[in-house]
């Protein structure tokens, strides 16, 4: 089961231009990071305190 989930995480990361190693570590090692670290690792695009701010940033 872990192999399948890890493979899927890698595939999604590759398709979205994300950090593949981090995606696999999340599944295999249970790795967790803070929100700012996730930005640094290219796991997410941006941080926003409110959904409305996130939507506004994505529309730019």
C-alpha atoms as a PDB file:
ATOM      1  CA  UNK A   1       0.000   0.000   0.000  1.00  0.00           C
ATOM      2  CA  UNK A   2       2.808   2.451   0.895  1.00  0.00           C
ATOM      3  CA  UNK A   3       4.486   1.770  -2.455  1.00  0.00           C
ATOM      4  CA  UNK A   4       1.326   2.694  -4.364  1.00  0.00           C
ATOM      5  CA  UNK A   5       0.725   5.881  -2.398  1.00  0.00           C
ATOM      6  CA  UNK A   6       4.377   6.923  -2.705  1.00  0.00           C
ATOM      7  CA  UNK A   7       4.315   6.319  -6.454  1.00  0.00           C
ATOM      8  CA  UNK A   8       1.137   8.384  -6.771  1.00  0.00           C
ATOM      9  CA  UNK A   9       2.634  11.221  -4.705  1.00  0.00           C
ATOM     10  CA  UNK A  10       5.709  11.247  -6.946  1.00  0.00           C
ATOM     11  CA  UNK A  11       3.562  11.266 -10.085  1.00  0.00           C
ATOM     12  CA  UNK A  12       1.447  14.187  -8.865  1.00  0.00           C
ATOM     13  CA  UNK A  13       4.554  16.113  -7.789  1.00  0.00           C
ATOM     14  CA  UNK A  14       6.146  15.585 -11.203  1.00  0.00           C
ATOM     15  CA  UNK A  15       3.010  16.668 -13.059  1.00  0.00           C
ATOM     16  CA  UNK A  16       2.681  19.827 -10.974  1.00  0.00           C
ATOM     17  CA  UNK A  17       6.337  20.790 -10.897  1.00  0.00           C
ATOM     18  CA  UNK A  18       6.662  20.152  -7.187  1.00  0.00           C
ATOM     19  CA  UNK A  19       9.471  18.771  -5.062  1.00  0.00           C
ATOM     20  CA  UNK A  20       9.362  15.039  -5.852  1.00  0.00           C
ATOM     21  CA  UNK A  21      11.735  13.995  -3.065  1.00  0.00           C
ATOM     22  CA  UNK A  22       9.648  15.826  -0.475  1.00  0.00           C
ATOM     23  CA  UNK A  23       6.419  14.296  -1.806  1.00  0.00           C
ATOM     24  CA  UNK A  24       7.870  10.825  -1.427  1.00  0.00           C
ATOM     25  CA  UNK A  25       9.267  11.591   2.048  1.00  0.00           C
ATOM     26  CA  UNK A  26       5.819  12.672   3.225  1.00  0.00           C
ATOM     27  CA  UNK A  27       4.479   9.218   2.440  1.00  0.00           C
ATOM     28  CA  UNK A  28       7.416   7.020   3.370  1.00  0.00           C
ATOM     29  CA  UNK A  29       8.817   8.885   6.382  1.00  0.00           C
ATOM     30  CA  UNK A  30       5.782  10.791   7.639  1.00  0.00           C
ATOM     31  CA  UNK A  31       7.748  13.993   7.109  1.00  0.00           C
ATOM     32  CA  UNK A  32       6.070  17.222   8.130  1.00  0.00           C
ATOM     33  CA  UNK A  33       7.199  20.833   7.763  1.00  0.00           C
ATOM     34  CA  UNK A  34       5.937  24.285   8.642  1.00  0.00           C
ATOM     35  CA  UNK A  35       4.032  26.325   6.087  1.00  0.00           C
ATOM     36  CA  UNK A  36       7.022  28.582   5.287  1.00  0.00           C
ATOM     37  CA  UNK A  37       9.208  25.488   4.830  1.00  0.00           C
ATOM     38  CA  UNK A  38       6.640  24.049   2.420  1.00  0.00           C
ATOM     39  CA  UNK A  39       7.022  27.173   0.264  1.00  0.00           C
ATOM     40  CA  UNK A  40      10.818  26.866   0.355  1.00  0.00           C
ATOM     41  CA  UNK A  41      10.578  23.193  -0.670  1.00  0.00           C
ATOM     42  CA  UNK A  42       8.208  23.987  -3.564  1.00  0.00           C
ATOM     43  CA  UNK A  43       5.509  21.877  -1.986  1.00  0.00           C
ATOM     44  CA  UNK A  44       3.055  24.801  -2.212  1.00  0.00           C
ATOM     45  CA  UNK A  45       2.968  28.014  -4.242  1.00  0.00           C
ATOM     46  CA  UNK A  46       2.131  30.568  -1.597  1.00  0.00           C
ATOM     47  CA  UNK A  47       0.899  31.271   1.913  1.00  0.00           C
ATOM     48  CA  UNK A  48      -2.221  33.240   2.694  1.00  0.00           C
ATOM     49  CA  UNK A  49      -3.943  33.845   6.004  1.00  0.00           C
ATOM     50  CA  UNK A  50      -7.382  33.891   4.381  1.00  0.00           C
ATOM     51  CA  UNK A  51      -8.917  32.037   1.435  1.00  0.00           C
ATOM     52  CA  UNK A  52      -9.925  35.320  -0.200  1.00  0.00           C
ATOM     53  CA  UNK A  53      -6.289  36.454  -0.196  1.00  0.00           C
ATOM     54  CA  UNK A  54      -5.149  33.167  -1.717  1.00  0.00           C
ATOM     55  CA  UNK A  55      -7.731  33.463  -4.500  1.00  0.00           C
ATOM     56  CA  UNK A  56      -6.725  37.072  -5.158  1.00  0.00           C
ATOM     57  CA  UNK A  57      -3.057  36.100  -5.432  1.00  0.00           C
ATOM     58  CA  UNK A  58      -3.848  33.294  -7.865  1.00  0.00           C
ATOM     59  CA  UNK A  59      -5.726  35.683 -10.154  1.00  0.00           C
ATOM     60  CA  UNK A  60      -2.659  37.906 -10.616  1.00  0.00           C
END
